[in-house]
Protein backbone atom coordinates (compact mmCIF):
# COMPACT_ATOMS: atom_id res chain seq x y z
CA MET A 1 -152.97 -6.73 -242.01
CA LYS A 2 -153.63 -5.27 -238.45
CA HIS A 3 -155.68 -2.19 -240.21
CA ALA A 4 -157.59 -4.86 -242.38
CA MET A 5 -158.62 -6.69 -239.29
CA ILE A 6 -159.97 -3.62 -237.43
CA ALA A 7 -161.61 -2.63 -240.50
CA LEU A 8 -163.31 -6.00 -240.69
CA LEU A 9 -164.14 -5.63 -237.10
CA LEU A 10 -165.83 -2.03 -237.72
CA LEU A 11 -169.08 -2.90 -238.81
CA ALA A 12 -170.60 0.58 -238.00
CA ALA A 13 -169.32 3.86 -236.61
CA VAL A 14 -172.05 6.27 -237.06
CA PRO A 15 -172.04 9.65 -235.41
CA ALA A 16 -175.46 10.64 -234.55
CA PHE A 17 -176.62 13.91 -236.27
CA ALA A 18 -179.58 14.89 -233.91
CA ALA A 19 -179.40 18.32 -232.72
CA ASP A 20 -180.26 16.89 -229.22
CA LEU A 21 -178.46 13.62 -228.59
CA PRO A 22 -179.86 13.05 -225.12
CA THR A 23 -183.46 13.21 -226.36
CA ALA A 24 -182.43 11.20 -229.58
CA GLY A 25 -180.46 8.49 -227.29
CA ARG A 26 -183.46 8.32 -224.68
CA ASN A 27 -186.04 7.91 -227.33
CA TYR A 28 -184.17 5.32 -229.21
CA PHE A 29 -182.90 3.17 -226.05
CA THR A 30 -185.80 3.76 -223.69
CA ASP A 31 -185.42 3.74 -220.34
CA VAL A 32 -186.54 -0.02 -219.47
CA GLU A 33 -185.83 -0.87 -215.76
CA LEU A 34 -183.08 -3.41 -215.46
CA THR A 35 -181.44 -5.04 -212.14
CA ASN A 36 -177.61 -5.16 -211.84
CA GLN A 37 -175.64 -7.93 -209.66
CA ASN A 38 -176.17 -5.75 -206.50
CA GLY A 39 -180.13 -5.91 -207.05
CA GLU A 40 -180.27 -2.35 -207.74
CA LYS A 41 -182.48 -1.04 -210.22
CA MET A 42 -181.03 0.65 -213.20
CA ARG A 43 -182.72 2.23 -216.24
CA LEU A 44 -181.13 1.38 -219.71
CA TYR A 45 -180.45 4.96 -220.99
CA SER A 46 -180.64 7.23 -217.87
CA ASP A 47 -178.61 5.19 -215.54
CA LEU A 48 -176.13 3.15 -217.97
CA ILE A 49 -175.84 4.90 -221.25
CA ALA A 50 -176.37 8.78 -220.87
CA GLY A 51 -173.23 10.83 -220.96
CA LYS A 52 -171.04 7.95 -220.84
CA THR A 53 -168.77 5.56 -223.29
CA VAL A 54 -170.25 2.22 -222.90
CA VAL A 55 -168.95 -1.33 -223.90
CA ILE A 56 -171.94 -3.68 -224.24
CA ASN A 57 -172.23 -7.63 -224.69
CA SER A 58 -174.82 -10.45 -223.99
CA PHE A 59 -174.13 -13.31 -222.28
CA TYR A 60 -175.31 -16.11 -219.89
CA THR A 61 -173.74 -17.47 -216.74
CA THR A 62 -174.14 -21.08 -217.68
CA CYS A 63 -172.50 -20.45 -221.28
CA VAL A 64 -169.12 -22.46 -221.71
CA GLY A 65 -168.48 -21.18 -225.42
CA ILE A 66 -168.22 -17.52 -226.44
CA CYS A 67 -169.12 -15.79 -222.89
CA PRO A 68 -165.97 -16.67 -221.12
CA ILE A 69 -163.86 -15.46 -223.85
CA MET A 70 -165.64 -12.16 -224.12
CA ALA A 71 -165.62 -11.89 -220.31
CA GLY A 72 -161.78 -12.10 -220.57
CA THR A 73 -161.82 -9.27 -223.05
CA PHE A 74 -163.91 -7.19 -220.77
CA LYS A 75 -161.42 -8.07 -217.94
CA ARG A 76 -158.77 -6.46 -220.21
CA ILE A 77 -160.80 -3.50 -221.10
CA GLN A 78 -161.05 -2.78 -217.11
CA THR A 79 -157.49 -3.14 -216.67
CA ALA A 80 -156.44 -0.87 -219.82
CA LEU A 81 -158.96 1.57 -219.16
CA GLY A 82 -158.88 1.46 -215.32
CA ASP A 83 -158.78 5.19 -214.67
CA HIS A 84 -162.04 5.79 -217.04
CA LEU A 85 -163.83 2.73 -215.42
CA GLY A 86 -166.86 3.82 -213.66
CA LYS A 87 -166.68 7.25 -214.18
CA ASP A 88 -167.03 8.04 -218.08
CA LEU A 89 -166.79 4.49 -219.21
CA ILE A 90 -168.80 1.57 -217.94
CA LEU A 91 -168.88 -1.97 -219.13
CA ILE A 92 -172.56 -3.72 -219.49
CA SER A 93 -173.07 -7.33 -219.51
CA VAL A 94 -176.68 -8.22 -220.36
CA THR A 95 -178.02 -11.59 -219.64
CA VAL A 96 -179.74 -13.39 -222.41
CA ASP A 97 -181.15 -15.91 -219.53
CA PRO A 98 -182.88 -13.66 -217.04
CA GLU A 99 -185.01 -16.70 -215.63
CA THR A 100 -181.78 -18.33 -214.59
CA ASP A 101 -179.49 -15.25 -214.15
CA THR A 102 -180.84 -13.64 -210.96
CA PRO A 103 -178.82 -10.70 -209.20
CA ALA A 104 -177.27 -13.11 -206.95
CA ARG A 105 -176.07 -15.48 -209.64
CA LEU A 106 -174.90 -12.47 -211.43
CA ARG A 107 -173.03 -11.10 -208.37
CA ASP A 108 -171.04 -14.72 -207.95
CA TYR A 109 -170.57 -14.47 -211.97
CA ALA A 110 -169.01 -10.85 -211.33
CA LYS A 111 -166.95 -11.99 -208.51
CA SER A 112 -165.46 -14.87 -210.73
CA MET A 113 -164.63 -12.43 -213.30
CA SER A 114 -162.95 -10.07 -210.95
CA ALA A 115 -165.23 -7.12 -212.15
CA LYS A 116 -164.52 -3.81 -210.78
CA PRO A 117 -166.98 -1.17 -210.05
CA GLY A 118 -168.45 0.17 -213.39
CA TRP A 119 -168.81 -3.29 -214.86
CA TYR A 120 -172.56 -4.12 -214.70
CA PHE A 121 -174.13 -7.53 -215.15
CA LEU A 122 -177.88 -7.10 -216.05
CA THR A 123 -180.81 -8.89 -215.50
CA GLY A 124 -184.50 -8.11 -214.74
CA LYS A 125 -188.09 -8.90 -215.91
CA LYS A 126 -187.91 -11.18 -219.10
CA GLU A 127 -189.94 -8.68 -220.94
CA ASN A 128 -187.68 -5.96 -220.08
CA VAL A 129 -184.35 -7.74 -220.74
CA GLU A 130 -185.88 -8.68 -224.09
CA ALA A 131 -186.76 -4.99 -224.64
CA ALA A 132 -183.16 -3.81 -223.76
CA LEU A 133 -181.45 -6.51 -226.15
CA HIS A 134 -183.66 -5.58 -229.07
CA LYS A 135 -182.89 -2.28 -228.67
CA LEU A 136 -179.30 -2.95 -228.33
CA GLY A 137 -179.37 -5.45 -231.40
CA LEU A 138 -178.56 -8.36 -229.42
CA LEU A 139 -182.11 -10.26 -228.99
CA VAL A 140 -182.04 -13.82 -229.91
CA ASP A 141 -184.74 -16.42 -229.79
CA ASP A 142 -182.38 -18.89 -227.74
CA LYS A 143 -179.86 -18.39 -225.33
CA GLU A 144 -177.56 -20.79 -227.38
CA ASN A 145 -177.75 -18.55 -230.38
CA HIS A 146 -176.50 -15.20 -228.44
CA LYS A 147 -174.20 -13.03 -230.53
CA ALA A 148 -170.49 -12.60 -230.31
CA VAL A 149 -170.86 -8.83 -230.70
CA ILE A 150 -169.48 -6.20 -228.67
CA LEU A 151 -171.18 -2.72 -228.92
CA ILE A 152 -168.87 0.32 -228.23
CA GLY A 153 -170.63 3.82 -227.89
CA ASN A 154 -169.73 7.27 -226.85
CA GLU A 155 -172.92 8.56 -226.24
CA PRO A 156 -172.30 12.23 -225.76
CA LYS A 157 -170.26 12.34 -229.25
CA GLY A 158 -172.87 10.10 -230.88
CA VAL A 159 -170.21 7.63 -232.02
CA TRP A 160 -171.25 3.90 -232.13
CA LYS A 161 -168.96 0.75 -233.08
CA LYS A 162 -169.66 -3.00 -233.29
CA ALA A 163 -166.77 -5.50 -232.93
CA PHE A 164 -166.42 -9.08 -233.36
CA GLY A 165 -166.62 -10.32 -229.62
CA LEU A 166 -163.91 -13.13 -230.32
CA ALA A 167 -161.49 -10.54 -231.82
CA THR A 168 -158.21 -10.14 -229.79
CA SER A 169 -158.54 -8.13 -226.77
CA GLU A 170 -155.94 -5.85 -228.10
CA ASP A 171 -157.93 -5.01 -230.96
CA ILE A 172 -161.00 -4.48 -228.81
CA VAL A 173 -159.06 -2.38 -226.40
CA LYS A 174 -157.89 -0.18 -229.28
CA MET A 175 -161.22 0.42 -230.60
CA VAL A 176 -162.65 1.21 -227.16
CA GLU A 177 -159.70 3.61 -226.50
CA GLU A 178 -160.68 5.32 -230.13
CA VAL A 179 -164.27 5.62 -229.33
CA VAL A 180 -163.47 7.00 -225.61
CA ALA A 181 -161.22 9.64 -227.37
CA ALA A 182 -163.92 10.65 -230.27
CA GLN A 183 -164.10 14.10 -230.86
């Protein structure tokens, strides 16, 4: 039963076959500029994805539906994989409401989530946020319709998975552990 659930959660686990993964990654994701909760500018690929394992979701700070549930899952991930967090693993939460979610608002939200270093809450110019969300497959026309999807990627190994964001945190943590350990 548990394996069946994980199989359902696994929407894609595709190793990249490009000879030069960093070039392929940079070309695909681009280096669109975003701003984190501390007001620091960060490039999507070079600063956030390149050479790391990443766990990515979309959210907005005023959401009272699925966002708190997925944030709870991210809290469990940061606890379970604490030794990796901020080093070879980072958590990325990209707002779908950049006009409301300023860096200061994201900083307050991060604090309310007990976010540790290595968990980035991102906003920026609307066109930049939309470009990033598009490349991540998380772009929506209305923030109320944002996706309950978590992307898990090991960029150096070219291993990427998608998980249902409302799955149990235990199942998500297991998937993250598998992607971190990908050979």
